[in-house]
Amino acid sequence: MQTATNRNEPGAVPIRHTTAGFALRVVTTMLRSMPGILAHAFADAASLPLVAATLAHERRVAPLGRGLSRNQRIVFREELTPRESRRLLFAWARHKTHLFVDFCRMPRLTGENLEPSVDAEAYQGLASLAAEGRGVICVSGHLGVWGLCAHVASLLGLPITIAARPTGIAPVDAVVTAIRSAGGARVLTKWGVQVRFKRALERGEMVGLLADEDARERPIFAPFLGTLAATTPSVAFLQRVTGAPIAVASVHRVRRGRWRCHLWSVIRPEPGVSGEEHEREVTTAVNAALSRAILAYPEQWLWGSRRFVTPPPGERPGPDGLPPRVG
């Protein structure tokens, strides 16, 4: 007599993971199927509970030197008044809830309805770079509707491979990956993708990665929004081994159901610059472009991230308890 699979057997999916995946599939399908005005009304209604949850979270992490408010103070210092900070918090919360809705509805955006929904003029620059035949390293951050960067590129006929961090919950990852790849983008697990990225660039394709996270392995400390921040060298390394141009780009919401693409900077290899000097110069240029993008749409960045957690060796906080500014 056969018995049911034990939940503790190797390879068995825990019931809580299966439940989470099923719930996410139901929610994403519901938001994708309902009229846009209703889906975004749901996002508006969810923004106030998110503000309350964020404030509660801030009270827990502030003593640890983390949190949304601390990041705002690091970036804006005394320029941001308490009133402006509250306004930014509410605008950020509204963006977060609409970001979730936009992501769930992303498969609805196809080649047929792309033009009235997305101002994709910036992708002409990406197409020109791709036509050079060396591939394009497309860099963005956790700003705007970052999932749309690769989705729009695919719909415009630009083959792109992206890396995504898995949640560790297989049924949830399956739902998220299906949405990310709905337009034709190839989605890889974030870990150990450099070789596959290099091959894609050698085929003349685009690769996409996010470069605004705190880096703990071999970080480069480069200015980011006016403060030295631990930044991944992966982008500069890819350019050094392939010679491909780097395009810093993002897609931002301009109103409900409408988005605009931006190409903030194109960074090419400098002749005669190699090794650590190349990586430092490129990383600094990438951070400068991402900083411009964030300051242009401050409510559409992931302010609660741990971007400034890792300090440079020997750095000491100022009298205000914040890391010193640069430049």
Protein backbone atom coordinates (compact mmCIF):
# COMPACT_ATOMS: atom_id res chain seq x y z
CA MET A 1 0.00 0.00 0.00
CA GLN A 2 1.45 3.36 -1.03
CA THR A 3 1.61 6.18 1.51
CA ALA A 4 1.45 9.94 0.97
CA THR A 5 4.73 11.74 0.51
CA ASN A 6 6.21 12.77 3.84
CA ARG A 7 6.60 16.55 4.11
CA ASN A 8 10.05 16.00 5.64
CA GLU A 9 11.38 13.90 2.75
CA PRO A 10 14.11 15.53 0.64
CA GLY A 11 12.52 17.32 -2.30
CA ALA A 12 9.10 17.52 -0.71
CA VAL A 13 7.46 20.96 -0.86
CA PRO A 14 6.24 22.13 2.57
CA ILE A 15 2.50 22.67 2.69
CA ARG A 16 3.00 26.31 3.76
CA HIS A 17 5.06 26.93 0.60
CA THR A 18 2.39 25.36 -1.58
CA THR A 19 -0.26 27.47 0.13
CA ALA A 20 1.78 30.65 -0.34
CA GLY A 21 2.26 29.90 -4.03
CA PHE A 22 -1.44 29.18 -4.52
CA ALA A 23 -2.46 32.37 -2.69
CA LEU A 24 -0.06 34.49 -4.76
CA ARG A 25 -1.33 32.93 -7.97
CA VAL A 26 -4.93 33.73 -7.00
CA VAL A 27 -4.10 37.35 -6.11
CA THR A 28 -2.01 38.00 -9.22
CA THR A 29 -4.63 36.44 -11.48
CA MET A 30 -7.40 38.47 -9.84
CA LEU A 31 -5.51 41.77 -10.17
CA ARG A 32 -4.59 40.98 -13.77
CA SER A 33 -8.16 40.11 -14.72
CA MET A 34 -10.07 43.00 -13.18
CA PRO A 35 -10.43 46.43 -14.85
CA GLY A 36 -7.43 48.69 -14.36
CA ILE A 37 -9.35 51.37 -12.48
CA LEU A 38 -10.50 48.78 -9.93
CA ALA A 39 -7.05 47.23 -9.53
CA HIS A 40 -5.44 50.60 -8.90
CA ALA A 41 -8.23 51.56 -6.49
CA PHE A 42 -7.19 48.48 -4.53
CA ALA A 43 -3.61 49.81 -4.57
CA ASP A 44 -4.74 53.20 -3.25
CA ALA A 45 -6.70 51.54 -0.46
CA ALA A 46 -3.68 49.45 0.55
CA SER A 47 -1.29 52.40 0.78
CA LEU A 48 -2.49 53.65 4.17
CA PRO A 49 -2.09 50.25 5.91
CA LEU A 50 1.39 50.10 4.36
CA VAL A 51 2.23 53.49 5.91
CA ALA A 52 1.12 52.19 9.33
CA ALA A 53 3.13 48.98 8.93
CA THR A 54 6.17 50.95 7.80
CA LEU A 55 6.04 53.25 10.81
CA ALA A 56 5.82 50.25 13.13
CA HIS A 57 8.79 48.66 11.34
CA GLU A 58 10.75 51.91 11.62
CA ARG A 59 10.43 51.85 15.39
CA ARG A 60 11.97 48.37 15.46
CA VAL A 61 14.90 48.94 13.08
CA ALA A 62 15.83 52.54 13.93
CA PRO A 63 17.87 51.47 17.00
CA LEU A 64 19.81 49.12 14.68
CA GLY A 65 20.83 51.97 12.38
CA ARG A 66 18.56 50.93 9.53
CA GLY A 67 15.27 51.96 7.99
CA LEU A 68 13.54 54.21 5.52
CA SER A 69 13.79 57.37 7.63
CA ARG A 70 17.53 56.94 8.17
CA ASN A 71 18.11 56.49 4.45
CA GLN A 72 16.16 59.67 3.77
CA ARG A 73 18.30 61.55 6.29
CA ILE A 74 21.50 60.17 4.74
CA VAL A 75 20.46 61.38 1.29
CA PHE A 76 18.76 64.70 2.06
CA ARG A 77 20.28 65.64 5.46
CA GLU A 78 18.79 68.85 6.84
CA GLU A 79 17.21 69.71 3.48
CA LEU A 80 14.27 67.39 4.22
CA THR A 81 11.83 68.87 6.73
CA PRO A 82 9.59 66.60 8.86
CA ARG A 83 6.61 67.60 6.74
CA GLU A 84 8.44 66.76 3.51
CA SER A 85 9.56 63.46 5.01
CA ARG A 86 5.93 62.52 5.75
CA ARG A 87 4.87 63.51 2.24
CA LEU A 88 7.65 61.36 0.80
CA LEU A 89 6.60 58.45 3.00
CA PHE A 90 2.98 58.60 1.79
CA ALA A 91 4.05 58.98 -1.85
CA TRP A 92 6.48 56.07 -1.47
CA ALA A 93 3.80 53.84 0.08
CA ARG A 94 1.41 54.62 -2.76
CA HIS A 95 4.13 53.78 -5.26
CA LYS A 96 4.82 50.46 -3.53
CA THR A 97 1.22 49.31 -3.67
CA HIS A 98 0.83 50.42 -7.27
CA LEU A 99 4.15 48.72 -8.07
CA PHE A 100 2.68 45.41 -6.93
CA VAL A 101 -0.43 45.93 -9.05
CA ASP A 102 1.65 46.99 -12.08
CA PHE A 103 3.80 43.88 -11.71
CA CYS A 104 0.78 41.56 -11.50
CA ARG A 105 -0.74 43.18 -14.60
CA MET A 106 2.52 43.21 -16.59
CA PRO A 107 1.54 40.24 -18.83
CA ARG A 108 -1.39 42.36 -20.10
CA LEU A 109 1.15 44.67 -21.75
CA THR A 110 1.81 43.25 -25.21
CA GLY A 111 3.23 44.40 -28.49
CA GLU A 112 -0.27 45.44 -29.61
CA ASN A 113 -0.99 47.83 -26.73
CA LEU A 114 2.58 48.89 -25.92
CA GLU A 115 2.62 52.21 -27.78
CA PRO A 116 -0.30 53.95 -26.02
CA SER A 117 0.85 52.70 -22.61
CA VAL A 118 4.63 53.22 -22.63
CA ASP A 119 6.76 56.13 -23.80
CA ALA A 120 9.56 53.90 -25.09
CA GLU A 121 11.56 56.46 -27.04
CA ALA A 122 14.60 55.81 -24.82
CA TYR A 123 14.74 52.25 -26.11
CA GLN A 124 15.87 53.60 -29.48
CA GLY A 125 19.18 54.31 -27.77
CA LEU A 126 19.31 50.74 -26.46
CA ALA A 127 18.49 49.39 -29.91
CA SER A 128 21.33 51.45 -31.41
CA LEU A 129 23.74 50.05 -28.84
CA ALA A 130 22.53 46.50 -29.52
CA ALA A 131 23.05 47.02 -33.26
CA GLU A 132 26.78 47.45 -32.60
CA GLY A 133 26.92 43.69 -32.00
CA ARG A 134 28.76 43.59 -28.67
CA GLY A 135 25.67 43.20 -26.52
CA VAL A 136 24.41 45.69 -23.94
CA ILE A 137 24.76 45.60 -20.16
CA CYS A 138 21.49 47.19 -19.06
CA VAL A 139 21.71 48.40 -15.47
CA SER A 140 18.86 49.62 -13.31
CA GLY A 141 17.92 49.64 -9.65
CA HIS A 142 14.96 49.14 -7.36
CA LEU A 143 13.33 52.25 -8.75
CA GLY A 144 10.29 52.89 -10.85
CA VAL A 145 8.66 49.73 -12.16
CA TRP A 146 11.91 47.86 -12.67
CA GLY A 147 10.23 44.69 -13.89
CA LEU A 148 9.05 46.58 -16.96
CA CYS A 149 12.64 47.30 -18.11
CA ALA A 150 13.17 43.78 -19.44
CA HIS A 151 9.50 43.25 -20.35
CA VAL A 152 9.41 46.28 -22.66
CA ALA A 153 12.78 45.39 -24.19
CA SER A 154 11.48 41.93 -25.07
CA LEU A 155 8.30 43.31 -26.59
CA LEU A 156 10.43 45.60 -28.77
CA GLY A 157 12.40 42.64 -30.08
CA LEU A 158 15.52 43.13 -27.96
CA PRO A 159 16.54 39.72 -26.53
CA ILE A 160 17.39 40.13 -22.86
CA THR A 161 18.52 37.90 -20.00
CA ILE A 162 17.96 39.08 -16.43
CA ALA A 163 18.96 37.86 -12.99
CA ALA A 164 16.49 37.65 -10.12
CA ARG A 165 16.93 36.80 -6.46
CA PRO A 166 14.81 33.73 -5.55
CA THR A 167 12.64 33.83 -2.45
CA GLY A 168 13.48 30.27 -1.48
CA ILE A 169 9.81 29.31 -1.80
CA ALA A 170 9.59 27.34 -5.05
CA PRO A 171 5.83 27.80 -5.76
CA VAL A 172 6.14 31.55 -5.17
CA ASP A 173 9.22 31.77 -7.39
CA ALA A 174 7.35 29.92 -10.15
CA VAL A 175 4.54 32.51 -10.13
CA VAL A 176 6.96 35.47 -10.08
CA THR A 177 9.17 34.01 -12.83
CA ALA A 178 6.15 33.37 -15.06
CA ILE A 179 5.21 37.07 -14.80
CA ARG A 180 8.77 38.27 -15.37
CA SER A 181 9.19 36.12 -18.46
CA ALA A 182 5.73 36.81 -19.94
CA GLY A 183 7.15 39.15 -22.57
CA GLY A 184 9.96 36.80 -23.59
CA ALA A 185 12.78 37.75 -21.19
CA ARG A 186 15.05 34.94 -20.04
CA VAL A 187 15.12 34.84 -16.22
CA LEU A 188 18.08 33.36 -14.34
CA THR A 189 18.66 32.78 -10.64
CA LYS A 190 20.82 35.61 -9.36
CA TRP A 191 23.63 33.47 -8.03
CA GLY A 192 26.49 32.50 -10.39
CA VAL A 193 25.17 34.12 -13.56
CA GLN A 194 28.32 35.87 -14.74
CA VAL A 195 29.30 33.11 -17.19
CA ARG A 196 25.80 32.96 -18.70
CA PHE A 197 25.68 36.75 -18.91
CA LYS A 198 29.02 36.74 -20.72
CA ARG A 199 27.73 34.21 -23.26
CA ALA A 200 24.57 36.26 -23.85
CA LEU A 201 26.68 39.38 -24.48
CA GLU A 202 28.90 37.45 -26.88
CA ARG A 203 25.75 36.59 -28.83
CA GLY A 204 25.01 40.33 -29.07
CA GLU A 205 22.08 40.20 -26.64
CA MET A 206 21.20 42.40 -23.68
CA VAL A 207 21.63 41.43 -20.05
CA GLY A 208 19.85 43.21 -17.22
CA LEU A 209 20.81 43.53 -13.57
CA LEU A 210 20.12 45.76 -10.59
CA ALA A 211 23.06 47.58 -9.03
CA ASP A 212 21.69 49.55 -6.07
CA GLU A 213 21.97 46.91 -3.35
CA ASP A 214 24.48 46.80 -0.49
CA ALA A 215 27.39 44.59 -1.58
CA ARG A 216 29.29 42.53 0.96
CA GLU A 217 31.59 40.54 -1.32
CA ARG A 218 34.54 42.51 -2.70
CA PRO A 219 32.59 45.79 -2.68
CA ILE A 220 33.69 48.99 -4.33
CA PHE A 221 32.95 52.06 -2.22
CA ALA A 222 31.70 54.71 -4.63
CA PRO A 223 29.50 57.78 -4.12
CA PHE A 224 25.80 56.96 -4.22
CA LEU A 225 23.35 59.79 -3.56
CA GLY A 226 26.18 61.75 -1.96
CA THR A 227 27.48 59.03 0.38
CA LEU A 228 30.07 56.29 -0.10
CA ALA A 229 28.18 53.01 -0.50
CA ALA A 230 29.31 49.41 -0.89
CA THR A 231 28.59 48.63 -4.54
CA THR A 232 28.91 45.43 -6.54
CA PRO A 233 31.80 45.27 -9.04
CA SER A 234 29.82 42.87 -11.26
CA VAL A 235 28.74 45.50 -13.79
CA ALA A 236 32.28 46.81 -14.32
CA PHE A 237 33.67 43.28 -14.42
CA LEU A 238 31.25 42.27 -17.16
CA GLN A 239 32.29 45.25 -19.24
CA ARG A 240 35.98 44.55 -18.67
CA VAL A 241 35.73 40.96 -19.93
CA THR A 242 33.32 41.63 -22.82
CA GLY A 243 33.85 45.24 -23.93
CA ALA A 244 30.06 45.72 -24.05
CA PRO A 245 28.61 49.20 -23.42
CA ILE A 246 26.68 49.82 -20.22
CA ALA A 247 23.27 51.48 -20.39
CA VAL A 248 21.79 52.80 -17.14
CA ALA A 249 18.03 52.81 -17.69
CA SER A 250 14.74 52.75 -15.82
CA VAL A 251 10.98 52.75 -16.36
CA HIS A 252 8.84 55.05 -14.22
CA ARG A 253 5.11 55.44 -13.68
CA VAL A 254 3.86 58.83 -14.82
CA ARG A 255 0.18 58.15 -14.13
CA ARG A 256 -2.15 55.17 -13.80
CA GLY A 257 -1.45 52.70 -16.57
CA ARG A 258 1.19 54.93 -18.22
CA TRP A 259 4.97 54.61 -17.98
CA ARG A 260 8.02 56.39 -19.38
CA CYS A 261 11.40 54.83 -20.14
CA HIS A 262 14.62 56.71 -19.44
CA LEU A 263 18.18 56.15 -20.61
CA TRP A 264 20.23 57.97 -18.00
CA SER A 265 23.75 57.20 -19.17
CA VAL A 266 25.79 55.16 -21.64
CA ILE A 267 29.19 54.07 -20.30
CA ARG A 268 31.78 52.71 -22.70
CA PRO A 269 35.17 51.15 -21.89
CA GLU A 270 37.94 53.73 -21.66
CA PRO A 271 41.04 52.82 -23.70
CA GLY A 272 44.08 52.23 -21.54
CA VAL A 273 42.12 51.80 -18.32
CA SER A 274 42.05 48.31 -16.88
CA GLY A 275 41.80 46.30 -13.69
CA GLU A 276 40.82 48.00 -10.45
CA GLU A 277 40.96 51.48 -11.96
CA HIS A 278 38.41 50.49 -14.61
CA GLU A 279 36.10 48.91 -12.05
CA ARG A 280 36.23 51.96 -9.80
CA GLU A 281 35.60 54.46 -12.60
CA VAL A 282 32.72 52.45 -14.09
CA THR A 283 31.10 51.80 -10.71
CA THR A 284 31.30 55.50 -9.87
CA ALA A 285 29.68 56.40 -13.21
CA VAL A 286 26.89 53.84 -12.73
CA ASN A 287 26.15 55.11 -9.21
CA ALA A 288 26.06 58.71 -10.47
CA ALA A 289 23.49 57.81 -13.14
CA LEU A 290 21.32 55.85 -10.70
CA SER A 291 21.50 58.76 -8.26
CA ARG A 292 20.16 61.11 -10.93
CA ALA A 293 17.30 58.71 -11.61
CA ILE A 294 16.37 58.43 -7.94
CA LEU A 295 16.44 62.19 -7.37
CA ALA A 296 14.24 62.67 -10.44
CA TYR A 297 11.61 60.27 -9.02
CA PRO A 298 12.38 60.10 -5.28
CA GLU A 299 9.07 58.50 -4.34
CA GLN A 300 9.76 55.59 -6.69
CA TRP A 301 12.91 54.22 -5.03
CA LEU A 302 13.04 51.43 -2.45
CA TRP A 303 13.88 53.68 0.50
CA GLY A 304 13.64 50.89 3.03
CA SER A 305 16.58 48.95 1.56
CA ARG A 306 19.84 48.35 3.42
CA ARG A 307 21.79 50.43 0.93
CA PHE A 308 24.09 52.16 3.42
CA VAL A 309 24.58 49.35 5.93
CA THR A 310 28.19 48.44 5.04
CA PRO A 311 30.57 51.36 5.76
CA PRO A 312 34.00 51.84 4.16
CA PRO A 313 36.90 50.60 6.31
CA GLY A 314 37.77 53.16 8.96
CA GLU A 315 34.76 55.39 8.33
CA ARG A 316 33.28 57.06 11.39
CA PRO A 317 29.79 58.55 11.64
CA GLY A 318 29.44 62.30 11.97
CA PRO A 319 27.99 64.11 14.99
CA ASP A 320 24.50 63.42 13.63
CA GLY A 321 25.19 59.67 13.62
CA LEU A 322 25.12 59.51 9.82
CA PRO A 323 27.93 58.54 7.46
CA PRO A 324 29.84 61.57 6.10
CA ARG A 325 28.91 63.02 2.74
CA VAL A 326 31.36 63.05 -0.16
CA GLY A 327 31.97 65.68 -2.80
